[in-house]
Amino acid sequence: KIKIQGRNQFELLGRLDRIVKVEEKRLSLDELEQALDNCEWIQQSYTLLPPKKNRVAAVLVLSPVGQNYIQQQGRATFIKQLRKQLMNQFETVVLPKKWLFMTSLPMTAQAKVNRQLLTELLSLDPLCMPQILSCHYQQQTVELECRVPSQLIYFKGHFPEQPVLPGVTQLAWAEKIAALFFNINAPFLRMEVIKFKKIIYPGAVVKISLSWQSESGKLYFDISSTAETHSSGRMVYGEQG
């Protein structure tokens, strides 16, 4: 695919046949998806090569069998066994390095996979943002299971003896992730009923729940783990009255 820039000039815009090169090895993403879809654990898959990252990422919608397996054996064992199956058909170097589990693939208004959203989710800076493990997305709500990376820049000096995740970082995460999923056009106005209840430590696995109320311009957020809520509140968007 090319874009004509002028006389005798053009810009390469990438291939149209979904052939990518990983570590000098050619890989058909269509062929990889077909192999994933043939697995009884997988209901639907989508693979891509995020910009500036020479590693394949796979977005998976699990079948009931796959959901049961991952609940029983855990995420790490699931991925290990899935990679083992794929090695029967593909070289190890081209196998996905990043994995994202979703309840359904996000679609555009044209009924195509929302590649831009998936690319943004998979390209989040690991020094500033949480690692997204799974995603449940509906029209006005989203729930993300995330791991809090220990290498986050926000842990440095906060605090030297026992690093904890700053509250302002949790607010920034809620706003950043909401901007990816929801059509929030109005400027930020204020925060309401913000509560920080429990400390979040490096390596923690948390659930970030967001709900966007477009009529009132309010974004509700809740960050929790298995047994407790860490923070919650709402952000209000709109013109200054």
C-alpha atoms as a PDB file:
ATOM      1  CA  LYS A   1       0.000   0.000   0.000  1.00  0.00           C
ATOM      2  CA  ILE A   2       1.428   3.390  -1.011  1.00  0.00           C
ATOM      3  CA  LYS A   3       0.510   7.038  -0.848  1.00  0.00           C
ATOM      4  CA  ILE A   4       1.480   9.307  -3.734  1.00  0.00           C
ATOM      5  CA  GLN A   5       3.346  12.356  -2.369  1.00  0.00           C
ATOM      6  CA  GLY A   6       4.107  14.128  -5.603  1.00  0.00           C
ATOM      7  CA  ARG A   7       5.854  13.602  -8.898  1.00  0.00           C
ATOM      8  CA  ASN A   8       8.187  10.610  -8.643  1.00  0.00           C
ATOM      9  CA  GLN A   9       7.601  10.362  -4.881  1.00  0.00           C
ATOM     10  CA  PHE A  10       5.523   8.005  -2.748  1.00  0.00           C
ATOM     11  CA  GLU A  11       5.282   6.779   0.850  1.00  0.00           C
ATOM     12  CA  LEU A  12       5.099   3.112   1.846  1.00  0.00           C
ATOM     13  CA  LEU A  13       2.122   2.493   4.148  1.00  0.00           C
ATOM     14  CA  GLY A  14       2.667  -1.185   4.913  1.00  0.00           C
ATOM     15  CA  ARG A  15       1.553  -4.473   3.428  1.00  0.00           C
ATOM     16  CA  LEU A  16      -2.046  -5.398   2.683  1.00  0.00           C
ATOM     17  CA  ASP A  17      -1.602  -9.177   2.915  1.00  0.00           C
ATOM     18  CA  ARG A  18      -0.925  -9.253   6.698  1.00  0.00           C
ATOM     19  CA  ILE A  19       2.557 -10.682   6.236  1.00  0.00           C
ATOM     20  CA  VAL A  20       4.919  -9.357   8.919  1.00  0.00           C
ATOM     21  CA  LYS A  21       8.609  -9.856   9.574  1.00  0.00           C
ATOM     22  CA  VAL A  22       9.719 -10.819  13.091  1.00  0.00           C
ATOM     23  CA  GLU A  23      13.433 -11.266  13.762  1.00  0.00           C
ATOM     24  CA  GLU A  24      13.977 -11.629   9.996  1.00  0.00           C
ATOM     25  CA  LYS A  25      11.318 -14.376   9.849  1.00  0.00           C
ATOM     26  CA  ARG A  26       8.163 -13.904   7.759  1.00  0.00           C
ATOM     27  CA  LEU A  27       4.851 -14.660   9.427  1.00  0.00           C
ATOM     28  CA  SER A  28       1.294 -14.685   8.104  1.00  0.00           C
ATOM     29  CA  LEU A  29      -0.966 -13.231  10.787  1.00  0.00           C
ATOM     30  CA  ASP A  30      -3.951 -14.828   9.048  1.00  0.00           C
ATOM     31  CA  GLU A  31      -2.308 -18.237   9.324  1.00  0.00           C
ATOM     32  CA  LEU A  32      -1.490 -17.647  13.001  1.00  0.00           C
ATOM     33  CA  GLU A  33      -5.091 -16.648  13.735  1.00  0.00           C
ATOM     34  CA  GLN A  34      -6.378 -19.742  11.952  1.00  0.00           C
ATOM     35  CA  ALA A  35      -4.142 -21.915  14.153  1.00  0.00           C
ATOM     36  CA  LEU A  36      -5.380 -20.137  17.282  1.00  0.00           C
ATOM     37  CA  ASP A  37      -9.019 -20.439  16.244  1.00  0.00           C
ATOM     38  CA  ASN A  38      -8.547 -24.179  15.709  1.00  0.00           C
ATOM     39  CA  CYS A  39      -7.676 -24.581  19.392  1.00  0.00           C
ATOM     40  CA  GLU A  40     -10.643 -25.658  21.533  1.00  0.00           C
ATOM     41  CA  TRP A  41      -9.727 -22.993  24.089  1.00  0.00           C
ATOM     42  CA  ILE A  42     -10.154 -20.131  21.620  1.00  0.00           C
ATOM     43  CA  GLN A  43     -13.442 -18.749  20.328  1.00  0.00           C
ATOM     44  CA  GLN A  44     -11.945 -15.849  18.373  1.00  0.00           C
ATOM     45  CA  SER A  45      -8.507 -14.328  17.898  1.00  0.00           C
ATOM     46  CA  TYR A  46      -6.852 -11.279  16.410  1.00  0.00           C
ATOM     47  CA  THR A  47      -3.116 -10.795  16.020  1.00  0.00           C
ATOM     48  CA  LEU A  48      -1.077  -7.706  15.225  1.00  0.00           C
ATOM     49  CA  LEU A  49       2.379  -6.208  15.315  1.00  0.00           C
ATOM     50  CA  PRO A  50       2.132  -2.973  17.343  1.00  0.00           C
ATOM     51  CA  PRO A  51       4.083  -0.022  15.866  1.00  0.00           C
ATOM     52  CA  LYS A  52       7.732   0.216  16.896  1.00  0.00           C
ATOM     53  CA  LYS A  53       7.551  -3.202  18.595  1.00  0.00           C
ATOM     54  CA  ASN A  54       9.093  -6.164  16.795  1.00  0.00           C
ATOM     55  CA  ARG A  55       6.945  -8.723  18.600  1.00  0.00           C
ATOM     56  CA  VAL A  56       3.568 -10.201  17.806  1.00  0.00           C
ATOM     57  CA  ALA A  57       0.618  -9.599  20.120  1.00  0.00           C
ATOM     58  CA  ALA A  58      -2.456 -11.811  20.327  1.00  0.00           C
ATOM     59  CA  VAL A  59      -5.917 -10.767  21.483  1.00  0.00           C
ATOM     60  CA  LEU A  60      -8.051 -13.761  22.452  1.00  0.00           C
ATOM     61  CA  VAL A  61     -11.709 -14.411  23.190  1.00  0.00           C
ATOM     62  CA  LEU A  62     -11.848 -17.685  25.116  1.00  0.00           C
ATOM     63  CA  SER A  63     -14.341 -20.479  24.618  1.00  0.00           C
ATOM     64  CA  PRO A  64     -16.120 -21.920  27.704  1.00  0.00           C
ATOM     65  CA  VAL A  65     -13.502 -24.690  27.708  1.00  0.00           C
ATOM     66  CA  GLY A  66     -10.706 -22.114  27.631  1.00  0.00           C
ATOM     67  CA  GLN A  67     -12.313 -20.029  30.377  1.00  0.00           C
ATOM     68  CA  ASN A  68     -12.539 -23.091  32.595  1.00  0.00           C
ATOM     69  CA  TYR A  69      -8.926 -24.062  31.882  1.00  0.00           C
ATOM     70  CA  ILE A  70      -7.515 -20.629  32.676  1.00  0.00           C
ATOM     71  CA  GLN A  71      -9.541 -20.437  35.889  1.00  0.00           C
ATOM     72  CA  GLN A  72      -8.236 -23.819  36.995  1.00  0.00           C
ATOM     73  CA  GLN A  73      -4.606 -23.580  35.826  1.00  0.00           C
ATOM     74  CA  GLY A  74      -3.922 -19.837  35.771  1.00  0.00           C
ATOM     75  CA  ARG A  75      -2.878 -17.402  33.060  1.00  0.00           C
ATOM     76  CA  ALA A  76       0.822 -18.354  32.932  1.00  0.00           C
ATOM     77  CA  THR A  77       0.147 -22.087  32.482  1.00  0.00           C
ATOM     78  CA  PHE A  78      -2.533 -21.365  29.869  1.00  0.00           C
ATOM     79  CA  ILE A  79      -0.143 -19.286  27.740  1.00  0.00           C
ATOM     80  CA  LYS A  80       2.669 -21.825  28.147  1.00  0.00           C
ATOM     81  CA  GLN A  81       0.469 -24.671  26.920  1.00  0.00           C
ATOM     82  CA  LEU A  82      -0.929 -22.580  24.065  1.00  0.00           C
ATOM     83  CA  ARG A  83       2.572 -21.663  22.899  1.00  0.00           C
ATOM     84  CA  LYS A  84       3.506 -25.349  23.064  1.00  0.00           C
ATOM     85  CA  GLN A  85       0.662 -26.172  20.675  1.00  0.00           C
ATOM     86  CA  LEU A  86       1.629 -23.374  18.280  1.00  0.00           C
ATOM     87  CA  MET A  87       5.245 -24.591  18.146  1.00  0.00           C
ATOM     88  CA  ASN A  88       4.022 -27.587  16.152  1.00  0.00           C
ATOM     89  CA  GLN A  89       3.334 -25.185  13.283  1.00  0.00           C
ATOM     90  CA  PHE A  90       5.435 -22.041  13.859  1.00  0.00           C
ATOM     91  CA  GLU A  91       8.981 -21.178  14.842  1.00  0.00           C
ATOM     92  CA  THR A  92       9.323 -20.035  18.433  1.00  0.00           C
ATOM     93  CA  VAL A  93      10.683 -16.611  17.466  1.00  0.00           C
ATOM     94  CA  VAL A  94       7.454 -15.575  15.717  1.00  0.00           C
ATOM     95  CA  LEU A  95       5.049 -16.661  18.469  1.00  0.00           C
ATOM     96  CA  PRO A  96       3.129 -13.914  20.308  1.00  0.00           C
ATOM     97  CA  LYS A  97       5.013 -12.247  23.147  1.00  0.00           C
ATOM     98  CA  LYS A  98       2.064 -10.214  24.400  1.00  0.00           C
ATOM     99  CA  TRP A  99      -1.367 -11.625  25.212  1.00  0.00           C
ATOM    100  CA  LEU A 100      -4.627  -9.861  25.949  1.00  0.00           C
ATOM    101  CA  PHE A 101      -7.838 -11.665  26.881  1.00  0.00           C
ATOM    102  CA  MET A 102     -11.183 -10.018  26.076  1.00  0.00           C
ATOM    103  CA  THR A 103     -14.797 -11.105  26.389  1.00  0.00           C
ATOM    104  CA  SER A 104     -15.322  -9.931  22.788  1.00  0.00           C
ATOM    105  CA  LEU A 105     -13.250  -8.196  20.134  1.00  0.00           C
ATOM    106  CA  PRO A 106     -13.967  -4.426  19.998  1.00  0.00           C
ATOM    107  CA  MET A 107     -15.569  -3.419  16.721  1.00  0.00           C
ATOM    108  CA  THR A 108     -15.803  -0.155  14.807  1.00  0.00           C
ATOM    109  CA  ALA A 109     -19.006   1.354  13.439  1.00  0.00           C
ATOM    110  CA  GLN A 110     -18.077  -0.347  10.131  1.00  0.00           C
ATOM    111  CA  ALA A 111     -18.185  -3.779  11.848  1.00  0.00           C
ATOM    112  CA  LYS A 112     -14.419  -4.232  11.637  1.00  0.00           C
ATOM    113  CA  VAL A 113     -12.049  -5.074  14.483  1.00  0.00           C
ATOM    114  CA  ASN A 114     -11.033  -1.854  16.214  1.00  0.00           C
ATOM    115  CA  ARG A 115      -7.327  -2.200  15.484  1.00  0.00           C
ATOM    116  CA  GLN A 116      -6.551   1.306  16.750  1.00  0.00           C
ATOM    117  CA  LEU A 117      -7.959   0.566  20.218  1.00  0.00           C
ATOM    118  CA  LEU A 118      -6.134  -2.758  20.435  1.00  0.00           C
ATOM    119  CA  THR A 119      -2.890  -1.146  19.292  1.00  0.00           C
ATOM    120  CA  GLU A 120      -3.188   1.557  21.941  1.00  0.00           C
ATOM    121  CA  LEU A 121      -3.937  -0.977  24.682  1.00  0.00           C
ATOM    122  CA  LEU A 122      -0.961  -3.134  23.703  1.00  0.00           C
ATOM    123  CA  SER A 123       1.371  -0.149  23.325  1.00  0.00           C
ATOM    124  CA  LEU A 124       0.884   1.379  26.782  1.00  0.00           C
ATOM    125  CA  ASP A 125       4.187   2.450  28.342  1.00  0.00           C
ATOM    126  CA  PRO A 126       5.122  -0.229  30.947  1.00  0.00           C
ATOM    127  CA  LEU A 127       7.012   2.409  32.945  1.00  0.00           C
ATOM    128  CA  CYS A 128       3.894   4.538  33.382  1.00  0.00           C
ATOM    129  CA  MET A 129       0.824   2.325  32.920  1.00  0.00           C
ATOM    130  CA  PRO A 130      -0.471  -0.997  34.276  1.00  0.00           C
ATOM    131  CA  GLN A 131      -0.073  -4.240  32.345  1.00  0.00           C
ATOM    132  CA  ILE A 132      -3.530  -5.152  31.021  1.00  0.00           C
ATOM    133  CA  LEU A 133      -4.221  -8.866  31.407  1.00  0.00           C
ATOM    134  CA  SER A 134      -7.876  -9.068  30.424  1.00  0.00           C
ATOM    135  CA  CYS A 135     -10.687  -6.753  29.364  1.00  0.00           C
ATOM    136  CA  HIS A 136     -14.477  -6.829  29.542  1.00  0.00           C
ATOM    137  CA  TYR A 137     -15.848  -4.006  27.411  1.00  0.00           C
ATOM    138  CA  GLN A 138     -19.416  -2.855  26.788  1.00  0.00           C
ATOM    139  CA  GLN A 139     -20.723   0.365  25.320  1.00  0.00           C
ATOM    140  CA  GLN A 140     -20.435   2.575  28.415  1.00  0.00           C
ATOM    141  CA  THR A 141     -18.488   0.362  30.842  1.00  0.00           C
ATOM    142  CA  VAL A 142     -15.146  -1.393  30.882  1.00  0.00           C
ATOM    143  CA  GLU A 143     -13.462  -3.687  33.414  1.00  0.00           C
ATOM    144  CA  LEU A 144      -9.738  -4.367  33.157  1.00  0.00           C
ATOM    145  CA  GLU A 145      -7.715  -6.903  35.097  1.00  0.00           C
ATOM    146  CA  CYS A 146      -4.263  -5.370  35.440  1.00  0.00           C
ATOM    147  CA  ARG A 147      -0.911  -6.108  37.011  1.00  0.00           C
ATOM    148  CA  VAL A 148       0.894  -3.178  38.629  1.00  0.00           C
ATOM    149  CA  PRO A 149       4.486  -3.373  37.257  1.00  0.00           C
ATOM    150  CA  SER A 150       7.202  -3.086  39.880  1.00  0.00           C
ATOM    151  CA  GLN A 151       9.322  -0.969  37.504  1.00  0.00           C
ATOM    152  CA  LEU A 152       6.831   1.936  37.391  1.00  0.00           C
ATOM    153  CA  ILE A 153       8.549   5.300  37.619  1.00  0.00           C
ATOM    154  CA  TYR A 154       5.975   6.362  40.216  1.00  0.00           C
ATOM    155  CA  PHE A 155       7.392   3.981  42.823  1.00  0.00           C
ATOM    156  CA  LYS A 156      10.773   5.719  42.913  1.00  0.00           C
ATOM    157  CA  GLY A 157      11.011   7.674  46.167  1.00  0.00           C
ATOM    158  CA  HIS A 158       7.400   6.851  47.112  1.00  0.00           C
ATOM    159  CA  PHE A 159       8.520   5.472  49.494  1.00  0.00           C
ATOM    160  CA  PRO A 160      12.153   4.267  49.814  1.00  0.00           C
ATOM    161  CA  GLU A 161      11.455   1.506  52.369  1.00  0.00           C
ATOM    162  CA  GLN A 162       8.134   0.296  50.952  1.00  0.00           C
ATOM    163  CA  PRO A 163       7.028   1.555  47.529  1.00  0.00           C
ATOM    164  CA  VAL A 164       3.301   2.284  47.173  1.00  0.00           C
ATOM    165  CA  LEU A 165       1.288   3.494  44.181  1.00  0.00           C
ATOM    166  CA  PRO A 166       0.440   7.213  44.519  1.00  0.00           C
ATOM    167  CA  GLY A 167      -3.236   8.176  44.512  1.00  0.00           C
ATOM    168  CA  VAL A 168      -2.668  10.727  41.751  1.00  0.00           C
ATOM    169  CA  THR A 169      -1.341   7.919  39.525  1.00  0.00           C
ATOM    170  CA  GLN A 170      -4.548   5.950  40.056  1.00  0.00           C
ATOM    171  CA  LEU A 171      -6.565   8.980  38.951  1.00  0.00           C
ATOM    172  CA  ALA A 172      -4.358   9.423  35.894  1.00  0.00           C
ATOM    173  CA  TRP A 173      -4.835   5.767  34.949  1.00  0.00           C
ATOM    174  CA  ALA A 174      -8.612   6.047  35.189  1.00  0.00           C
ATOM    175  CA  GLU A 175      -8.648   9.128  32.968  1.00  0.00           C
ATOM    176  CA  LYS A 176      -6.148   7.746  30.425  1.00  0.00           C
ATOM    177  CA  ILE A 177      -7.904   4.398  30.011  1.00  0.00           C
ATOM    178  CA  ALA A 178     -11.333   6.038  29.815  1.00  0.00           C
ATOM    179  CA  ALA A 179     -10.086   8.237  26.963  1.00  0.00           C
ATOM    180  CA  LEU A 180      -9.224   5.084  24.982  1.00  0.00           C
ATOM    181  CA  PHE A 181     -12.655   3.494  25.316  1.00  0.00           C
ATOM    182  CA  PHE A 182     -15.131   6.354  25.593  1.00  0.00           C
ATOM    183  CA  ASN A 183     -15.907   9.399  23.484  1.00  0.00           C
ATOM    184  CA  ILE A 184     -15.099  12.076  26.076  1.00  0.00           C
ATOM    185  CA  ASN A 185     -14.875  15.422  24.307  1.00  0.00           C
ATOM    186  CA  ALA A 186     -15.594  17.933  27.092  1.00  0.00           C
ATOM    187  CA  PRO A 187     -12.727  19.313  29.221  1.00  0.00           C
ATOM    188  CA  PHE A 188     -12.091  18.004  32.743  1.00  0.00           C
ATOM    189  CA  LEU A 189     -14.031  20.055  35.299  1.00  0.00           C
ATOM    190  CA  ARG A 190     -13.652  18.571  38.793  1.00  0.00           C
ATOM    191  CA  MET A 191     -13.455  15.435  40.937  1.00  0.00           C
ATOM    192  CA  GLU A 192     -16.149  14.219  43.334  1.00  0.00           C
ATOM    193  CA  VAL A 193     -16.250  11.780  46.292  1.00  0.00           C
ATOM    194  CA  ILE A 194     -12.687  10.582  45.732  1.00  0.00           C
ATOM    195  CA  LYS A 195     -11.693   7.921  48.263  1.00  0.00           C
ATOM    196  CA  PHE A 196      -8.394   6.102  48.780  1.00  0.00           C
ATOM    197  CA  LYS A 197      -9.014   3.146  51.075  1.00  0.00           C
ATOM    198  CA  LYS A 198      -6.225   0.602  50.685  1.00  0.00           C
ATOM    199  CA  ILE A 199      -2.606   0.850  49.566  1.00  0.00           C
ATOM    200  CA  ILE A 200      -1.559  -0.712  46.236  1.00  0.00           C
ATOM    201  CA  TYR A 201       1.880  -2.337  46.234  1.00  0.00           C
ATOM    202  CA  PRO A 202       4.214  -3.288  43.354  1.00  0.00           C
ATOM    203  CA  GLY A 203       3.184  -6.502  41.607  1.00  0.00           C
ATOM    204  CA  ALA A 204      -0.447  -6.340  42.747  1.00  0.00           C
ATOM    205  CA  VAL A 205      -3.218  -7.548  40.423  1.00  0.00           C
ATOM    206  CA  VAL A 206      -6.179  -5.158  40.458  1.00  0.00           C
ATOM    207  CA  LYS A 207      -9.439  -4.627  38.622  1.00  0.00           C
ATOM    208  CA  ILE A 208     -10.048  -1.171  37.150  1.00  0.00           C
ATOM    209  CA  SER A 209     -13.776  -0.592  36.576  1.00  0.00           C
ATOM    210  CA  LEU A 210     -14.914   2.454  34.599  1.00  0.00           C
ATOM    211  CA  SER A 211     -18.413   3.673  33.762  1.00  0.00           C
ATOM    212  CA  TRP A 212     -19.028   6.666  31.501  1.00  0.00           C
ATOM    213  CA  GLN A 213     -22.305   8.592  31.838  1.00  0.00           C
ATOM    214  CA  SER A 214     -22.354  10.791  28.739  1.00  0.00           C
ATOM    215  CA  GLU A 215     -25.597  12.569  29.711  1.00  0.00           C
ATOM    216  CA  SER A 216     -24.174  13.915  32.965  1.00  0.00           C
ATOM    217  CA  GLY A 217     -20.543  14.040  31.816  1.00  0.00           C
ATOM    218  CA  LYS A 218     -19.416  11.862  34.729  1.00  0.00           C
ATOM    219  CA  LEU A 219     -16.800   9.117  34.747  1.00  0.00           C
ATOM    220  CA  TYR A 220     -17.144   6.671  37.648  1.00  0.00           C
ATOM    221  CA  PHE A 221     -14.071   4.622  38.578  1.00  0.00           C
ATOM    222  CA  ASP A 222     -13.290   1.870  41.054  1.00  0.00           C
ATOM    223  CA  ILE A 223      -9.938   0.151  41.562  1.00  0.00           C
ATOM    224  CA  SER A 224     -10.193  -3.038  43.594  1.00  0.00           C
ATOM    225  CA  SER A 225      -8.609  -6.416  44.241  1.00  0.00           C
ATOM    226  CA  THR A 226     -10.155  -9.713  45.255  1.00  0.00           C
ATOM    227  CA  ALA A 227     -11.153  -8.726  48.773  1.00  0.00           C
ATOM    228  CA  GLU A 228     -11.163  -4.932  48.906  1.00  0.00           C
ATOM    229  CA  THR A 229     -11.583  -1.588  47.153  1.00  0.00           C
ATOM    230  CA  HIS A 230      -8.426   0.486  46.852  1.00  0.00           C
ATOM    231  CA  SER A 231      -9.863   3.702  45.416  1.00  0.00           C
ATOM    232  CA  SER A 232     -13.068   5.040  43.913  1.00  0.00           C
ATOM    233  CA  GLY A 233     -14.833   8.237  42.889  1.00  0.00           C
ATOM    234  CA  ARG A 234     -15.940  10.136  39.833  1.00  0.00           C
ATOM    235  CA  MET A 235     -14.568  12.747  37.468  1.00  0.00           C
ATOM    236  CA  VAL A 236     -16.816  15.408  35.962  1.00  0.00           C
ATOM    237  CA  TYR A 237     -16.347  16.782  32.452  1.00  0.00           C
ATOM    238  CA  GLY A 238     -18.004  19.849  30.975  1.00  0.00           C
ATOM    239  CA  GLU A 239     -17.750  23.581  30.421  1.00  0.00           C
ATOM    240  CA  GLN A 240     -17.135  25.842  33.391  1.00  0.00           C
ATOM    241  CA  GLY A 241     -20.498  27.301  34.487  1.00  0.00           C
END
